[in-house]
Amino acid sequence: MQLDTLLINCGQLLTMDHESDLVKGEQMKVLPLIEDGAIGWKDGVITFLGTTDETKELQCNNLIDCKGKLVTPGLVDPHTHLVFGGSREHEIALKQQGIPYLEILKKGGGIHSTVKATQEAGFEELLEKAEFHLKRILSYGVTAVEAKSGYGLNRETELKQLKVVKELQKKYSMIMASTFLGAHAIPKDFEADGDRFLEEMADLFSMLKEENLAEFVDIFCEEGVFTIEQSKRYLTQAKEAGFAVKIHADEIVSLGGTELAIELGAASADHLIAASDEAVNMFGSTDTIAVLLPGTTFYLNKDTYANARGMIDGGGAVALATDFNPGSSPTENIQFIMNLAMLKLKMTCEEIWNAVTVNSAKAIHKEDVAGRLQIGRQADVVIWDAPNYQYVPYHYGVNHVHSVFLNGKEVAKGGAFLE
C-alpha cells in the first residue's frame, strides 16, 4: 500500500471510534485508543489505522515519526459566532466600573454595538475578519466548526453573514455547520413587538433552504428576549421548514429553555448555566446534547457554571464549545475550554475528550465525517506536543498543537496557521 503520509510511534492514538455516534453517561469515561499507534492516508482519506509494528510493509511519500506524541482526530467546536463586525474591548472599563449590561446597552454598547458594526461592514470585510479567526481556531486543533449568524437582526445582514460562512467552507474544504440565529435579540425597531420580528425572521426560512445557507435554526430563549412560547412557535416553524433546531437555553434565568429543547428534539441545548435540577436530569432520557460553554461564565466573571456532573452522572451527553463571540467569550482557544471543563465543570479527562470530538460532532450533525478517526474518513488529524491525553487539560494557558492536518494537508504547525 502506497500512502501519501504515514504517522508512526504515536504514543497514544485516540481514534474516538465508539460503537455509537453519541456517548452518554458512563460511556463518556471510555476512550478508544491505540498504544504506539500509526495512521496513514492517501489523497486526504485515511487508509490505515493500527500499531506501528503493523506498518513495516507500508510505503509512503512522507513518513512522520511522532516520537511518542499524542495523536487525535481534529477537534470539533459546536458553538461559535464566527462572523461579526468590530470588537468590544472599549467596554472593558465600563464593566470594571460595575456598570450593568443593560446600562451599557442604553449607551449603544453590548450586542447593539456589534450589530451596528456588522450591518455597516461589507461582505469582503466580514470575510477577511472571519477568515482571520477561523485560521486561529484551526491552529488550536479544531477542524470542524459550527458558525452562527445573529449580528445582523435584519434580512440583508443575516444573509450576508451566512454567505460568508458558505464562502469559508468552500475556500478551506472544511467541515462547517451553518446556523441561522436571526432570533438572537430584539432590535430597537421591534422592541415593542418581538412577535412581528420573529415573523420577519421566519420569512427567510424558505430562501435559506433553497440557497443552502443554513442547516440549523437557533433562538435566544431568555428573560427579556424571547419567551418559551415564542421560542416554541418559531422553532416549530423552523422544523416544519426542514431545519434542525438548537436553543440558547437557561443561560441567565431558569426559564425552561432546556425542557423545550428536549421536547422539540433539538440537536442541542446550549449554555444551561441556570438549568433546573429537573432539566439536568432529563438529559439521561434524550439524545439532545448539552453543549456547555464555560468560557462564557469565566469571561463574565460569574461564580456558577453549568452542572456538567449532574448531566453526565444522570446519563446525559455533554459537548464543549468556545462560544467564540465579541462580547461574552472572545476566545478561539478550545484548549482553554478543556482546562475550564476540568477545573470548573469537574469533568474527567476522558469525558473532556469525548466532549470535544464525538459528542460535539453529533451536536452539529457531522458525526459521519468528524470527531473520530476511521478508515475511509477524511484525514483531519492533530499531533500534540503532549505525551498523553491527560496532559492537554492539565497544562493550561498554552497551545499544545504540534501539527494540524486538514484533508491530509498540514495547515498549522507549532500553534500557528501555515499560510
Protein backbone atom coordinates (compact mmCIF):
# COMPACT_ATOMS: atom_id res chain seq x y z
CA MET A 1 0.00 0.00 0.00
CA GLN A 2 1.48 3.35 -1.08
CA LEU A 3 0.46 6.21 1.22
CA ASP A 4 0.93 9.95 0.92
CA THR A 5 1.59 10.40 4.64
CA LEU A 6 2.18 7.92 7.47
CA LEU A 7 2.41 8.80 11.17
CA ILE A 8 4.21 6.23 13.33
CA ASN A 9 5.18 5.97 17.01
CA CYS A 10 2.06 7.78 18.19
CA GLY A 11 2.34 7.29 21.95
CA GLN A 12 -1.45 7.32 22.21
CA LEU A 13 -3.60 7.39 19.09
CA LEU A 14 -7.10 8.40 20.13
CA THR A 15 -9.40 7.02 17.44
CA MET A 16 -12.58 8.00 19.38
CA ASP A 17 -14.19 5.21 17.36
CA HIS A 18 -17.05 4.29 19.68
CA GLU A 19 -19.75 1.87 18.58
CA SER A 20 -22.34 4.66 18.79
CA ASP A 21 -22.44 8.18 17.38
CA LEU A 22 -23.39 9.63 20.76
CA VAL A 23 -21.55 8.96 24.02
CA LYS A 24 -23.64 9.31 27.17
CA GLY A 25 -23.19 8.98 30.91
CA GLU A 26 -20.68 6.35 32.00
CA GLN A 27 -19.63 5.76 28.39
CA MET A 28 -18.08 9.24 28.39
CA LYS A 29 -15.36 7.83 30.65
CA VAL A 30 -14.23 5.45 27.88
CA LEU A 31 -11.60 6.49 25.32
CA PRO A 32 -10.96 4.26 22.30
CA LEU A 33 -7.22 4.47 21.69
CA ILE A 34 -4.28 2.57 20.24
CA GLU A 35 -1.00 2.49 22.17
CA ASP A 36 2.07 3.02 19.96
CA GLY A 37 -0.34 3.74 17.13
CA ALA A 38 0.05 4.60 13.48
CA ILE A 39 -2.21 6.30 10.95
CA GLY A 40 -1.79 6.87 7.23
CA TRP A 41 -3.70 8.46 4.40
CA LYS A 42 -3.79 8.89 0.65
CA ASP A 43 -5.48 11.69 -1.28
CA GLY A 44 -6.70 13.13 2.02
CA VAL A 45 -8.52 9.95 3.07
CA ILE A 46 -7.47 7.67 5.93
CA THR A 47 -6.42 4.26 4.56
CA PHE A 48 -4.52 2.78 7.53
CA LEU A 49 -5.09 2.63 11.28
CA GLY A 50 -3.17 0.31 13.55
CA THR A 51 0.03 -0.09 15.52
CA THR A 52 3.50 0.99 14.46
CA ASP A 53 4.54 -2.69 14.24
CA GLU A 54 1.88 -3.22 11.56
CA THR A 55 3.36 -0.58 9.24
CA LYS A 56 6.53 -2.45 8.24
CA GLU A 57 5.22 -3.42 4.80
CA LEU A 58 3.75 0.01 4.05
CA GLN A 59 5.33 2.59 1.77
CA CYS A 60 4.75 6.30 1.91
CA ASN A 61 5.92 9.59 0.48
CA ASN A 62 6.02 11.38 3.83
CA LEU A 63 6.93 9.42 6.97
CA ILE A 64 6.43 11.30 10.26
CA ASP A 65 7.88 9.88 13.46
CA CYS A 66 5.66 11.22 16.24
CA LYS A 67 8.19 10.13 18.90
CA GLY A 68 5.57 9.20 21.44
CA LYS A 69 3.37 12.25 20.97
CA LEU A 70 -0.41 12.17 21.39
CA VAL A 71 -2.38 12.00 18.11
CA THR A 72 -6.14 12.59 17.88
CA PRO A 73 -8.91 13.47 15.47
CA GLY A 74 -9.32 17.15 14.74
CA LEU A 75 -11.45 18.71 17.47
CA VAL A 76 -14.99 19.98 16.87
CA ASP A 77 -16.25 23.36 18.11
CA PRO A 78 -20.07 23.15 18.03
CA HIS A 79 -20.98 26.71 19.06
CA THR A 80 -19.32 29.84 17.65
CA HIS A 81 -20.39 33.27 16.46
CA LEU A 82 -17.65 33.37 13.84
CA VAL A 83 -18.85 36.21 11.62
CA PHE A 84 -19.21 39.70 13.07
CA GLY A 85 -18.01 43.25 12.62
CA GLY A 86 -15.98 45.30 15.07
CA SER A 87 -14.98 44.31 18.60
CA ARG A 88 -15.90 45.41 22.11
CA GLU A 89 -12.70 45.99 24.07
CA HIS A 90 -13.83 49.58 24.68
CA GLU A 91 -16.48 48.23 27.08
CA ILE A 92 -13.91 46.73 29.47
CA ALA A 93 -13.61 49.89 31.57
CA LEU A 94 -17.40 50.16 31.87
CA LYS A 95 -17.63 46.56 33.07
CA GLN A 96 -14.81 47.10 35.56
CA GLN A 97 -16.70 50.08 36.99
CA GLY A 98 -19.62 47.76 37.64
CA ILE A 99 -21.94 49.41 35.13
CA PRO A 100 -24.75 46.90 34.44
CA TYR A 101 -25.02 45.37 30.98
CA LEU A 102 -28.41 46.99 30.43
CA GLU A 103 -26.84 50.40 31.02
CA ILE A 104 -24.11 49.58 28.51
CA LEU A 105 -26.86 48.65 26.06
CA LYS A 106 -28.53 52.03 26.57
CA LYS A 107 -25.22 53.71 25.71
CA GLY A 108 -25.26 51.86 22.38
CA GLY A 109 -22.89 49.14 23.54
CA GLY A 110 -23.33 45.42 24.04
CA ILE A 111 -24.85 43.46 21.23
CA HIS A 112 -26.20 46.66 19.65
CA SER A 113 -22.60 47.78 19.06
CA THR A 114 -21.76 44.54 17.25
CA VAL A 115 -24.98 44.60 15.24
CA LYS A 116 -24.22 48.14 14.05
CA ALA A 117 -20.65 47.21 13.08
CA THR A 118 -21.81 44.06 11.28
CA GLN A 119 -24.54 45.88 9.40
CA GLU A 120 -22.05 48.54 8.25
CA ALA A 121 -19.32 46.07 7.19
CA GLY A 122 -19.17 44.90 3.59
CA PHE A 123 -19.05 41.23 2.59
CA GLU A 124 -15.29 41.24 1.90
CA GLU A 125 -14.54 42.94 5.21
CA LEU A 126 -16.56 40.37 7.14
CA LEU A 127 -14.98 37.55 5.13
CA GLU A 128 -11.45 38.74 5.85
CA LYS A 129 -12.17 39.12 9.57
CA ALA A 130 -13.91 35.75 9.90
CA GLU A 131 -11.10 34.07 7.98
CA PHE A 132 -8.57 35.50 10.43
CA HIS A 133 -10.49 33.99 13.33
CA LEU A 134 -11.05 30.69 11.54
CA LYS A 135 -7.30 30.27 10.96
CA ARG A 136 -6.72 30.82 14.67
CA ILE A 137 -9.43 28.28 15.50
CA LEU A 138 -7.67 25.77 13.24
CA SER A 139 -4.33 26.49 14.89
CA TYR A 140 -5.76 25.27 18.21
CA GLY A 141 -6.62 21.88 16.72
CA VAL A 142 -10.23 22.39 15.59
CA THR A 143 -11.02 21.00 12.13
CA ALA A 144 -14.84 21.16 12.25
CA VAL A 145 -16.83 24.13 13.44
CA GLU A 146 -20.35 25.50 13.74
CA ALA A 147 -20.87 29.16 12.82
CA LYS A 148 -23.94 31.25 13.63
CA SER A 149 -25.37 34.41 12.17
CA GLY A 150 -27.20 36.68 14.61
CA TYR A 151 -25.43 40.02 14.45
CA GLY A 152 -27.50 41.33 11.59
CA LEU A 153 -31.02 41.30 13.01
CA ASN A 154 -32.24 42.26 9.57
CA ARG A 155 -32.73 40.34 6.37
CA GLU A 156 -29.75 41.72 4.43
CA THR A 157 -27.10 41.36 7.13
CA GLU A 158 -28.19 37.93 8.34
CA LEU A 159 -27.90 36.63 4.77
CA LYS A 160 -24.53 38.35 4.42
CA GLN A 161 -23.19 36.56 7.50
CA LEU A 162 -24.37 33.16 6.30
CA LYS A 163 -22.89 33.72 2.85
CA VAL A 164 -19.52 34.45 4.50
CA VAL A 165 -19.70 31.07 6.24
CA LYS A 166 -20.51 29.35 2.96
CA GLU A 167 -17.55 31.05 1.25
CA LEU A 168 -15.17 29.99 4.03
CA GLN A 169 -16.41 26.42 3.85
CA LYS A 170 -15.73 26.39 0.13
CA LYS A 171 -12.30 28.01 0.42
CA TYR A 172 -10.96 25.66 3.10
CA SER A 173 -12.89 22.48 2.19
CA MET A 174 -13.58 22.40 5.91
CA ILE A 175 -16.39 20.70 7.80
CA MET A 176 -18.64 23.57 8.85
CA ALA A 177 -22.22 23.71 10.08
CA SER A 178 -24.14 26.91 9.48
CA THR A 179 -26.78 28.12 11.93
CA PHE A 180 -29.34 30.88 11.38
CA LEU A 181 -29.59 32.86 14.63
CA GLY A 182 -31.69 35.76 13.36
CA ALA A 183 -33.57 35.49 16.67
CA HIS A 184 -30.51 36.48 18.70
CA ALA A 185 -32.03 39.66 20.15
CA ILE A 186 -34.91 42.03 19.55
CA PRO A 187 -33.70 45.02 17.50
CA LYS A 188 -34.59 48.51 18.63
CA ASP A 189 -37.10 48.94 15.80
CA PHE A 190 -39.11 45.98 17.16
CA GLU A 191 -38.73 46.47 20.90
CA ALA A 192 -42.49 46.61 21.37
CA ASP A 193 -43.26 43.70 19.04
CA GLY A 194 -40.99 40.69 19.29
CA ASP A 195 -43.63 38.53 17.60
CA ARG A 196 -43.51 40.63 14.45
CA PHE A 197 -39.71 40.42 14.39
CA LEU A 198 -39.84 36.63 14.63
CA GLU A 199 -42.30 36.59 11.74
CA GLU A 200 -39.80 38.57 9.65
CA MET A 201 -37.02 36.14 10.52
CA ALA A 202 -39.24 33.13 9.77
CA ASP A 203 -39.97 34.63 6.35
CA LEU A 204 -36.32 33.86 5.50
CA PHE A 205 -36.65 30.11 6.06
CA SER A 206 -37.59 29.21 2.51
CA MET A 207 -34.72 31.25 0.99
CA LEU A 208 -32.21 29.81 3.43
CA LYS A 209 -33.28 26.32 2.49
CA GLU A 210 -33.27 26.99 -1.26
CA GLU A 211 -29.79 28.55 -1.19
CA ASN A 212 -28.41 26.01 1.30
CA LEU A 213 -27.28 28.78 3.66
CA ALA A 214 -28.19 27.13 6.96
CA GLU A 215 -28.64 23.68 8.45
CA PHE A 216 -29.88 24.78 11.87
CA VAL A 217 -32.15 27.46 13.29
CA ASP A 218 -31.37 28.77 16.77
CA ILE A 219 -33.06 31.23 19.16
CA PHE A 220 -32.02 33.08 22.31
CA CYS A 221 -34.68 31.94 24.77
CA GLU A 222 -34.12 34.15 27.78
CA GLU A 223 -35.89 36.56 30.09
CA GLY A 224 -36.20 39.91 28.34
CA VAL A 225 -35.51 38.39 24.91
CA PHE A 226 -37.72 35.57 23.58
CA THR A 227 -40.19 33.69 25.75
CA ILE A 228 -40.77 29.94 25.89
CA GLU A 229 -43.99 30.38 23.90
CA GLN A 230 -42.31 32.49 21.21
CA SER A 231 -39.36 30.10 21.01
CA LYS A 232 -41.60 27.05 20.67
CA ARG A 233 -43.70 28.62 17.93
CA TYR A 234 -40.65 29.86 15.99
CA LEU A 235 -38.64 26.64 16.22
CA THR A 236 -41.68 24.56 15.31
CA GLN A 237 -41.95 26.64 12.13
CA ALA A 238 -38.24 26.02 11.51
CA LYS A 239 -38.66 22.26 11.88
CA GLU A 240 -41.62 22.31 9.51
CA ALA A 241 -39.41 24.15 7.00
CA GLY A 242 -36.87 21.30 7.19
CA PHE A 243 -34.28 22.68 9.64
CA ALA A 244 -32.78 21.04 12.68
CA VAL A 245 -33.01 23.29 15.72
CA LYS A 246 -30.90 24.49 18.64
CA ILE A 247 -31.67 26.71 21.62
CA HIS A 248 -29.63 29.21 23.64
CA ALA A 249 -31.29 27.96 26.83
CA ASP A 250 -31.31 28.90 30.51
CA GLU A 251 -28.14 30.97 30.35
CA ILE A 252 -29.18 33.56 32.93
CA VAL A 253 -32.63 32.63 34.24
CA SER A 254 -34.19 29.18 34.67
CA LEU A 255 -36.86 29.85 32.09
CA GLY A 256 -37.48 26.32 30.81
CA GLY A 257 -35.48 26.51 27.60
CA THR A 258 -33.74 23.23 28.36
CA GLU A 259 -37.03 21.40 28.73
CA LEU A 260 -38.25 22.98 25.50
CA ALA A 261 -35.15 21.86 23.62
CA ILE A 262 -35.70 18.29 24.77
CA GLU A 263 -39.42 18.44 23.99
CA LEU A 264 -38.67 19.59 20.43
CA GLY A 265 -35.91 17.03 19.93
CA ALA A 266 -33.36 19.79 19.39
CA ALA A 267 -29.87 18.78 18.30
CA SER A 268 -28.54 20.66 21.30
CA ALA A 269 -29.42 22.89 24.20
CA ASP A 270 -26.60 25.38 24.77
CA HIS A 271 -25.36 27.31 27.84
CA LEU A 272 -27.60 25.76 30.58
CA ILE A 273 -25.96 27.58 33.49
CA ALA A 274 -29.35 28.20 35.10
CA ALA A 275 -30.96 24.91 34.06
CA SER A 276 -33.14 23.47 36.81
CA ASP A 277 -32.27 20.21 38.57
CA GLU A 278 -35.23 18.62 36.83
CA ALA A 279 -33.92 19.76 33.44
CA VAL A 280 -30.42 18.49 34.23
CA ASN A 281 -31.85 15.04 35.00
CA MET A 282 -33.76 14.96 31.70
CA PHE A 283 -30.60 14.57 29.61
CA GLY A 284 -30.36 10.91 30.57
CA SER A 285 -33.52 10.12 28.62
CA THR A 286 -32.87 12.18 25.48
CA ASP A 287 -30.43 12.40 22.59
CA THR A 288 -30.45 16.19 22.79
CA ILE A 289 -26.88 17.16 23.65
CA ALA A 290 -25.93 19.60 26.38
CA VAL A 291 -23.42 21.98 24.78
CA LEU A 292 -21.62 23.71 27.64
CA LEU A 293 -19.72 26.97 27.29
CA PRO A 294 -17.59 27.51 30.42
CA GLY A 295 -15.57 30.24 28.72
CA THR A 296 -18.62 32.50 28.86
CA THR A 297 -19.07 32.02 32.60
CA PHE A 298 -15.35 32.63 33.11
CA TYR A 299 -15.20 35.79 30.98
CA LEU A 300 -18.32 37.30 32.55
CA ASN A 301 -16.71 36.65 35.94
CA LYS A 302 -19.65 34.64 37.24
CA ASP A 303 -19.46 32.10 40.04
CA THR A 304 -21.95 29.49 38.80
CA TYR A 305 -21.07 27.07 36.00
CA ALA A 306 -23.35 24.63 34.20
CA ASN A 307 -23.97 21.39 36.10
CA ALA A 308 -21.95 19.08 33.85
CA ARG A 309 -21.52 16.50 36.59
CA GLY A 310 -25.25 16.20 37.11
CA MET A 311 -25.85 15.83 33.38
CA ILE A 312 -23.20 13.14 32.87
CA ASP A 313 -23.87 11.25 36.10
CA GLY A 314 -27.55 11.26 35.15
CA GLY A 315 -26.76 9.53 31.86
CA GLY A 316 -26.68 12.53 29.53
CA ALA A 317 -24.38 13.55 26.69
CA VAL A 318 -22.23 16.66 27.10
CA ALA A 319 -20.25 18.59 24.48
CA LEU A 320 -17.94 21.58 24.94
CA ALA A 321 -17.57 24.72 22.82
CA THR A 322 -15.82 28.08 22.90
CA ASP A 323 -18.90 30.25 22.24
CA PHE A 324 -16.40 32.46 20.40
CA ASN A 325 -18.04 35.89 20.16
CA PRO A 326 -17.05 39.54 20.67
CA GLY A 327 -18.98 40.13 23.87
CA SER A 328 -19.07 37.28 26.36
CA SER A 329 -16.38 34.87 25.16
CA PRO A 330 -13.78 36.43 22.86
CA THR A 331 -11.55 33.37 22.52
CA GLU A 332 -10.83 30.87 19.76
CA ASN A 333 -8.95 28.61 22.19
CA ILE A 334 -10.81 25.30 22.62
CA GLN A 335 -7.89 24.03 24.72
CA PHE A 336 -8.61 26.64 27.38
CA ILE A 337 -12.22 25.46 27.38
CA MET A 338 -10.90 21.95 28.06
CA ASN A 339 -8.91 23.35 31.00
CA LEU A 340 -12.02 25.05 32.38
CA ALA A 341 -14.05 21.87 31.94
CA MET A 342 -11.58 20.06 34.19
CA LEU A 343 -11.31 22.82 36.80
CA LYS A 344 -14.82 24.30 36.87
CA LEU A 345 -17.13 21.65 35.39
CA LYS A 346 -15.35 18.83 37.27
CA MET A 347 -15.20 16.69 34.13
CA THR A 348 -12.64 13.90 33.84
CA CYS A 349 -10.02 13.99 31.10
CA GLU A 350 -11.79 11.14 29.31
CA GLU A 351 -15.12 12.97 29.43
CA ILE A 352 -13.49 16.12 28.09
CA TRP A 353 -12.00 14.39 25.03
CA ASN A 354 -15.36 12.80 24.21
CA ALA A 355 -16.99 16.22 24.64
CA VAL A 356 -14.72 17.93 22.08
CA THR A 357 -14.84 15.15 19.48
CA VAL A 358 -17.64 12.59 19.20
CA ASN A 359 -20.39 14.47 21.04
CA SER A 360 -19.52 17.83 19.51
CA ALA A 361 -19.69 16.28 16.04
CA LYS A 362 -23.11 14.83 16.85
CA ALA A 363 -24.30 18.20 18.18
CA ILE A 364 -23.83 19.70 14.70
CA HIS A 365 -24.98 16.59 12.79
CA LYS A 366 -21.47 15.92 11.46
CA GLU A 367 -20.98 12.60 13.23
CA ASP A 368 -20.47 10.81 9.90
CA VAL A 369 -17.50 12.99 8.92
CA ALA A 370 -15.97 14.50 12.07
CA GLY A 371 -14.94 13.67 15.60
CA ARG A 372 -13.29 10.28 15.10
CA LEU A 373 -10.61 8.52 13.09
CA GLN A 374 -11.83 5.78 10.76
CA ILE A 375 -10.60 4.25 7.54
CA GLY A 376 -12.46 5.97 4.71
CA ARG A 377 -12.90 9.29 6.51
CA GLN A 378 -11.03 12.43 5.59
CA ALA A 379 -7.69 12.84 7.33
CA ASP A 380 -8.42 15.60 9.84
CA VAL A 381 -5.71 14.78 12.37
CA VAL A 382 -3.84 16.59 15.16
CA ILE A 383 -0.38 15.79 16.52
CA TRP A 384 0.06 17.25 20.01
CA ASP A 385 3.15 18.33 21.88
CA ALA A 386 1.89 16.18 24.71
CA PRO A 387 2.83 12.67 25.89
CA ASN A 388 -0.74 11.59 26.72
CA TYR A 389 -4.35 12.76 26.63
CA GLN A 390 -4.35 13.93 30.28
CA TYR A 391 -1.65 16.49 29.59
CA VAL A 392 -3.71 18.86 27.43
CA PRO A 393 -6.47 19.60 30.01
CA TYR A 394 -3.83 19.64 32.77
CA HIS A 395 -1.35 22.18 31.36
CA TYR A 396 -3.23 25.41 30.74
CA GLY A 397 -2.57 28.72 29.02
CA VAL A 398 -0.53 27.49 26.04
CA ASN A 399 -1.22 25.96 22.63
CA HIS A 400 -0.22 22.29 22.69
CA VAL A 401 -0.66 21.73 18.95
CA HIS A 402 2.35 20.38 17.10
CA SER A 403 0.64 19.93 13.70
CA VAL A 404 -2.89 20.09 12.29
CA PHE A 405 -3.80 18.20 9.13
CA LEU A 406 -6.99 19.16 7.28
CA ASN A 407 -7.97 16.78 4.48
CA GLY A 408 -4.49 15.29 4.85
CA LYS A 409 -2.72 18.60 4.29
CA GLU A 410 -0.72 20.23 7.07
CA VAL A 411 -2.38 23.60 7.75
CA ALA A 412 -0.95 24.53 11.16
CA LYS A 413 2.33 23.86 12.93
CA GLY A 414 3.69 24.90 16.29
CA GLY A 415 0.45 26.65 17.15
CA ALA A 416 0.41 28.86 14.05
CA PHE A 417 -1.54 28.64 10.81
CA LEU A 418 0.62 27.90 7.77
CA GLU A 419 0.00 30.49 5.09
